[in-house]
Amino acid sequence: MRKNNKQKQKKQKEKQQKKRDSLNEEQTLSERVMWTIGNFSKYGNTTANWQQAKADSLTAFILNGTSSFDDNKKINFTPPTCVKFFKLMKDYTMRLMKAEMKKKTNEQQKGLFSRTVDGIWELLKKLWRW
């Protein structure tokens, strides 16, 4: 009975310690995130480790806990919604182009195709502009 009681107490202490550690990590992360946001608001930059996203280089700072501030990892990142939206737009545009091409003569098809491609290109440039 005593042994069982000691085990329960030990487990309780471990659980409390984990909870304290978790709260400390959360507090540290919160402070660092707030400092970073404040630095960005005041000076227009976050830290030397964060790079501006560009259309040709979409790297993202992976915020996964306090260690990410010290040992940051960057990966090429395009949000899944952007990938899906781009595919949807591409499929829709191709469907429209095929339908229009069936209606037009060869002479008109060439003009429609170039106007459509130009329109798609302008739309994509606007979508990917940061």
Protein backbone atom coordinates (compact mmCIF):
# COMPACT_ATOMS: atom_id res chain seq x y z
CA MET A 1 0.00 0.00 0.00
CA ARG A 2 2.81 2.41 0.92
CA LYS A 3 4.68 1.62 -2.27
CA ASN A 4 1.57 2.29 -4.33
CA ASN A 5 1.03 5.59 -2.51
CA LYS A 6 4.64 6.67 -3.17
CA GLN A 7 4.25 5.88 -6.86
CA LYS A 8 1.11 8.01 -7.03
CA GLN A 9 2.91 10.90 -5.32
CA LYS A 10 5.86 10.55 -7.67
CA LYS A 11 3.56 10.59 -10.72
CA GLN A 12 1.76 13.66 -9.35
CA LYS A 13 5.06 15.49 -8.87
CA GLU A 14 6.17 14.59 -12.40
CA LYS A 15 2.86 15.79 -13.77
CA GLN A 16 3.14 19.09 -11.87
CA GLN A 17 6.72 19.56 -13.09
CA LYS A 18 5.67 18.95 -16.70
CA LYS A 19 2.88 21.47 -16.25
CA ARG A 20 5.33 24.07 -14.87
CA ASP A 21 7.80 23.38 -17.68
CA SER A 22 5.03 23.72 -20.24
CA LEU A 23 3.84 27.00 -18.72
CA ASN A 24 7.40 28.36 -18.63
CA GLU A 25 7.93 27.44 -22.28
CA GLU A 26 4.60 28.98 -23.24
CA GLN A 27 5.45 32.18 -21.35
CA THR A 28 8.88 32.38 -22.99
CA LEU A 29 7.38 31.82 -26.43
CA SER A 30 4.69 34.43 -25.77
CA GLU A 31 7.27 37.00 -24.67
CA ARG A 32 9.46 36.38 -27.71
CA VAL A 33 6.53 36.55 -30.13
CA MET A 34 5.30 39.79 -28.55
CA TRP A 35 8.83 41.24 -28.69
CA THR A 36 9.07 40.26 -32.35
CA ILE A 37 5.70 41.82 -33.19
CA GLY A 38 6.63 44.96 -31.24
CA ASN A 39 9.97 45.19 -33.04
CA PHE A 40 8.21 44.84 -36.38
CA SER A 41 5.63 47.48 -35.44
CA LYS A 42 8.25 49.94 -34.22
CA TYR A 43 11.10 49.43 -36.69
CA GLY A 44 9.54 47.57 -39.61
CA ASN A 45 11.61 44.44 -39.17
CA THR A 46 11.32 41.36 -37.02
CA THR A 47 14.76 39.88 -36.54
CA ALA A 48 17.79 39.37 -38.74
CA ASN A 49 16.70 35.75 -39.17
CA TRP A 50 13.40 36.50 -40.87
CA GLN A 51 13.60 37.21 -44.57
CA GLN A 52 11.06 38.96 -46.72
CA ALA A 53 8.93 36.65 -48.83
CA LYS A 54 9.27 37.14 -52.58
CA ALA A 55 7.45 35.51 -55.46
CA ASP A 56 10.58 33.62 -56.53
CA SER A 57 11.59 32.66 -52.99
CA LEU A 58 8.71 31.80 -50.71
CA THR A 59 10.56 30.78 -47.57
CA ALA A 60 8.72 30.83 -44.29
CA PHE A 61 9.94 31.09 -40.73
CA ILE A 62 8.64 28.01 -38.94
CA LEU A 63 7.37 29.06 -35.53
CA ASN A 64 7.24 25.83 -33.56
CA GLY A 65 8.18 26.79 -30.04
CA THR A 66 10.88 28.72 -28.24
CA SER A 67 13.70 26.82 -29.91
CA SER A 68 12.64 28.15 -33.33
CA PHE A 69 13.91 31.61 -32.37
CA ASP A 70 17.39 30.29 -31.64
CA ASP A 71 17.65 27.54 -34.24
CA ASN A 72 15.27 28.67 -36.93
CA LYS A 73 14.36 26.55 -39.88
CA LYS A 74 13.16 27.99 -43.14
CA ILE A 75 11.38 25.99 -45.78
CA ASN A 76 10.00 26.88 -49.15
CA PHE A 77 6.38 27.54 -48.37
CA THR A 78 3.38 28.10 -50.58
CA PRO A 79 0.12 27.90 -48.66
CA PRO A 80 -1.98 24.88 -49.70
CA THR A 81 -4.92 27.18 -50.39
CA CYS A 82 -2.81 29.07 -52.95
CA VAL A 83 -1.83 25.82 -54.65
CA LYS A 84 -5.47 24.69 -54.79
CA PHE A 85 -6.65 28.12 -55.96
CA PHE A 86 -4.01 28.23 -58.70
CA LYS A 87 -5.03 24.75 -59.90
CA LEU A 88 -8.70 25.71 -59.82
CA MET A 89 -8.04 28.89 -61.82
CA LYS A 90 -5.88 26.99 -64.29
CA ASP A 91 -8.52 24.26 -64.80
CA TYR A 92 -11.31 26.81 -65.12
CA THR A 93 -9.36 28.92 -67.60
CA MET A 94 -8.43 25.91 -69.69
CA ARG A 95 -12.07 24.82 -69.77
CA LEU A 96 -13.13 28.29 -70.92
CA MET A 97 -10.41 28.41 -73.55
CA LYS A 98 -11.40 25.02 -74.97
CA ALA A 99 -15.05 26.03 -75.13
CA GLU A 100 -14.21 29.32 -76.85
CA MET A 101 -11.85 27.65 -79.30
CA LYS A 102 -14.61 25.36 -80.46
CA LYS A 103 -16.71 28.42 -81.32
CA LYS A 104 -14.07 30.45 -83.11
CA THR A 105 -12.29 30.07 -86.41
CA ASN A 106 -8.55 29.40 -86.57
CA GLU A 107 -7.84 33.09 -87.13
CA GLN A 108 -9.84 34.12 -84.08
CA GLN A 109 -8.40 31.34 -81.92
CA LYS A 110 -4.91 32.79 -82.11
CA GLY A 111 -6.10 36.20 -80.89
CA LEU A 112 -8.25 34.72 -78.12
CA PHE A 113 -5.44 32.51 -76.91
CA SER A 114 -2.91 35.33 -76.62
CA ARG A 115 -5.43 37.63 -74.88
CA THR A 116 -6.36 34.85 -72.45
CA VAL A 117 -2.73 34.02 -71.68
CA ASP A 118 -1.97 37.72 -71.15
CA GLY A 119 -4.98 38.01 -68.83
CA ILE A 120 -3.95 34.95 -66.84
CA TRP A 121 -0.40 36.23 -66.54
CA GLU A 122 -1.59 39.61 -65.21
CA LEU A 123 -3.91 37.89 -62.72
CA LEU A 124 -1.12 35.64 -61.46
CA LYS A 125 1.26 38.58 -61.07
CA LYS A 126 -1.34 40.35 -58.92
CA LEU A 127 -2.02 37.23 -56.84
CA TRP A 128 1.63 36.56 -56.08
CA ARG A 129 2.62 40.17 -55.44
CA TRP A 130 3.50 40.66 -51.78
